Protein backbone atom coordinates (compact mmCIF):
# COMPACT_ATOMS: atom_id res chain seq x y z
CA MET A 1 -30.50 0.96 22.07
CA THR A 2 -29.30 2.70 19.24
CA ASP A 3 -29.10 6.67 20.44
CA LEU A 4 -26.88 6.10 23.88
CA ARG A 5 -26.47 9.64 24.50
CA TYR A 6 -27.99 11.47 27.62
CA PRO A 7 -30.57 13.22 27.98
CA VAL A 8 -32.37 11.12 25.48
CA GLY A 9 -35.14 13.35 23.88
CA LYS A 10 -37.06 16.38 24.47
CA LEU A 11 -38.38 16.87 27.88
CA THR A 12 -42.09 16.16 28.31
CA TYR A 13 -44.26 16.98 31.37
CA ASP A 14 -47.78 17.11 32.69
CA SER A 15 -48.90 20.76 33.25
CA ASP A 16 -52.17 19.79 34.90
CA ILE A 17 -50.69 19.21 38.13
CA THR A 18 -53.12 18.05 41.28
CA ASP A 19 -52.83 17.49 44.72
CA GLY A 20 -53.21 13.93 43.96
CA LYS A 21 -50.10 13.91 41.66
CA ARG A 22 -48.04 16.28 44.10
CA THR A 23 -48.56 13.66 46.67
CA ALA A 24 -47.77 11.00 44.46
CA TRP A 25 -44.88 12.31 43.36
CA ILE A 26 -43.70 13.14 46.70
CA ARG A 27 -44.21 9.37 47.90
CA GLN A 28 -42.19 8.10 44.83
CA ILE A 29 -39.02 10.50 45.55
CA ALA A 30 -39.42 9.45 49.24
CA GLU A 31 -39.23 5.59 47.91
CA THR A 32 -36.64 6.01 45.36
CA PRO A 33 -33.93 5.53 47.62
CA ALA A 34 -35.02 2.11 49.10
CA ALA A 35 -35.95 0.75 45.63
CA LEU A 36 -32.38 1.51 44.15
CA ARG A 37 -31.03 -0.47 46.83
CA ALA A 38 -33.12 -3.37 46.14
CA ALA A 39 -32.53 -3.01 42.47
CA VAL A 40 -28.66 -3.44 43.05
CA ASP A 41 -28.76 -5.75 46.10
CA GLY A 42 -27.10 -9.07 45.06
CA LEU A 43 -25.02 -7.48 42.26
CA THR A 44 -21.40 -8.47 41.98
CA GLU A 45 -18.71 -6.36 42.11
CA ALA A 46 -18.05 -7.00 38.28
CA GLN A 47 -21.73 -6.04 38.11
CA LEU A 48 -21.56 -2.63 39.65
CA ASP A 49 -18.31 -1.77 38.07
CA THR A 50 -20.28 -2.14 34.66
CA PRO A 51 -20.88 0.68 32.49
CA TYR A 52 -24.34 1.15 31.42
CA ARG A 53 -22.97 2.10 27.81
CA PRO A 54 -19.53 2.44 26.21
CA GLU A 55 -17.39 5.23 27.93
CA GLY A 56 -20.43 5.70 30.29
CA TRP A 57 -20.65 5.64 34.23
CA THR A 58 -20.93 2.22 35.91
CA VAL A 59 -23.78 0.87 38.06
CA ARG A 60 -21.66 1.96 41.23
CA GLN A 61 -21.25 5.78 39.87
CA VAL A 62 -24.73 6.03 38.95
CA VAL A 63 -25.92 4.97 42.39
CA HIS A 64 -23.51 6.79 44.15
CA HIS A 65 -24.94 9.96 42.69
CA VAL A 66 -28.43 9.33 43.39
CA PRO A 67 -29.19 10.36 47.04
């Protein structure tokens, strides 16, 4: 990565919202906490305390701020 700022780029979105897409998005939101737990399961304390970019939040801080 060369540009380490956040947010990265201009927001793009899908303006064609269907019932199927809405259902998929709701399912994805519901599944996110378990996926996040699985992603960090097994990380060491040192890895959890590693920032994702210089002067950025640590993995632990990012995870803490996701419901």
